[in-house]
Amino acid sequence: MKIEFSKPFKFEDQTYEAIELKLEDLTGEDMLAVNKQFASEGLFSLAPSADMNFHVFLAARASKQPIEFFKQMPAKEFANVVQSVSNFLML
C-alpha cells in the first residue's frame, strides 16, 4: 500500500513524497516480532492491534524504516499512516 504525502517530508537528508507499506507481505512471525519490540519499549496495550504506538511499529516493519522516521513525520501524514495500518488490521 502506497501512502502519498500531502507535501514532501525530509528525513535524514532524504526527501519523501510517499511511503510504501508492504503490510500484506507481513507474516505472523512479523506480528510477533513487532509485539516483542513494542513490549521491549515498555509499551503495553490490552488490544495492540488498536493501539497507535503498535501501528507505528508495524508500519516501520512493513516499510523497513526506523521508528524515528514516523515520529518525525508531520502530524497529518503520521495520522494517515496510523489510520491506514488500523484499517488494514480491521479488514
Protein backbone atom coordinates (compact mmCIF):
# COMPACT_ATOMS: atom_id res chain seq x y z
CA MET A 1 0.00 0.00 0.00
CA LYS A 2 1.45 3.32 -1.04
CA ILE A 3 0.62 6.38 1.03
CA GLU A 4 1.15 9.69 -0.74
CA PHE A 5 2.11 12.65 1.44
CA SER A 6 0.32 15.98 1.05
CA LYS A 7 3.72 17.66 0.96
CA PRO A 8 7.28 16.31 0.82
CA PHE A 9 8.77 15.16 4.11
CA LYS A 10 12.51 15.31 4.79
CA PHE A 11 14.19 12.67 6.95
CA GLU A 12 17.94 12.18 7.31
CA ASP A 13 18.84 14.25 4.25
CA GLN A 14 16.34 12.45 2.00
CA THR A 15 13.01 13.82 0.86
CA TYR A 16 9.98 11.53 0.73
CA GLU A 17 6.76 12.16 -1.17
CA ALA A 18 5.24 8.81 -0.23
CA ILE A 19 5.86 5.68 1.80
CA GLU A 20 5.29 2.10 0.73
CA LEU A 21 3.82 -0.07 3.48
CA LYS A 22 4.02 -3.72 2.49
CA LEU A 23 1.52 -4.77 5.13
CA GLU A 24 0.15 -7.60 3.03
CA ASP A 25 3.63 -9.18 2.98
CA LEU A 26 3.87 -9.39 6.78
CA THR A 27 3.61 -12.78 8.44
CA GLY A 28 2.55 -13.99 11.86
CA GLU A 29 6.24 -14.08 12.72
CA ASP A 30 6.48 -10.37 11.85
CA MET A 31 3.48 -9.60 14.05
CA LEU A 32 5.06 -11.46 16.97
CA ALA A 33 8.37 -9.66 16.46
CA VAL A 34 6.60 -6.30 16.41
CA ASN A 35 4.71 -7.22 19.58
CA LYS A 36 8.02 -8.14 21.26
CA GLN A 37 9.62 -4.87 20.13
CA PHE A 38 6.55 -2.96 21.33
CA ALA A 39 6.87 -4.55 24.78
CA SER A 40 10.65 -4.01 24.89
CA GLU A 41 9.98 -0.27 24.62
CA GLY A 42 7.97 -0.51 27.84
CA LEU A 43 4.67 -0.17 25.99
CA PHE A 44 1.61 -2.19 26.86
CA SER A 45 -1.88 -2.41 25.43
CA LEU A 46 -4.77 -4.77 26.06
CA ALA A 47 -5.54 -4.50 22.34
CA PRO A 48 -2.26 -3.83 20.46
CA SER A 49 -3.99 -4.07 17.10
CA ALA A 50 -5.96 -0.94 18.09
CA ASP A 51 -3.02 0.96 19.60
CA MET A 52 -1.43 3.89 17.74
CA ASN A 53 2.05 3.03 19.01
CA PHE A 54 1.68 -0.57 17.84
CA HIS A 55 0.56 0.70 14.42
CA VAL A 56 3.76 2.75 14.13
CA PHE A 57 5.94 -0.25 15.00
CA LEU A 58 4.07 -2.28 12.39
CA ALA A 59 4.43 0.48 9.77
CA ALA A 60 8.17 0.61 10.48
CA ARG A 61 8.44 -3.14 9.94
CA ALA A 62 6.33 -3.03 6.77
CA SER A 63 8.31 -0.13 5.28
CA LYS A 64 11.78 -1.02 6.61
CA GLN A 65 12.06 2.49 8.04
CA PRO A 66 13.15 3.25 11.62
CA ILE A 67 10.57 4.29 14.21
CA GLU A 68 12.17 7.76 14.19
CA PHE A 69 11.03 8.20 10.59
CA PHE A 70 7.42 8.11 11.74
CA LYS A 71 8.00 10.10 14.93
CA GLN A 72 9.44 13.00 12.91
CA MET A 73 6.69 12.87 10.28
CA PRO A 74 4.23 15.79 10.13
CA ALA A 75 1.10 15.08 12.20
CA LYS A 76 -1.21 14.84 9.17
CA GLU A 77 1.00 12.25 7.48
CA PHE A 78 1.51 10.38 10.76
CA ALA A 79 -2.26 10.18 11.29
CA ASN A 80 -2.74 8.91 7.74
CA VAL A 81 -0.16 6.14 8.25
CA VAL A 82 -1.65 5.12 11.61
CA GLN A 83 -5.18 5.06 10.17
CA SER A 84 -4.04 3.04 7.15
CA VAL A 85 -2.45 0.40 9.38
CA SER A 86 -5.56 0.34 11.59
CA ASN A 87 -7.80 -0.14 8.55
CA PHE A 88 -5.58 -2.95 7.31
CA LEU A 89 -5.76 -4.77 10.64
CA MET A 90 -9.54 -4.39 10.92
CA LEU A 91 -10.35 -5.83 7.50
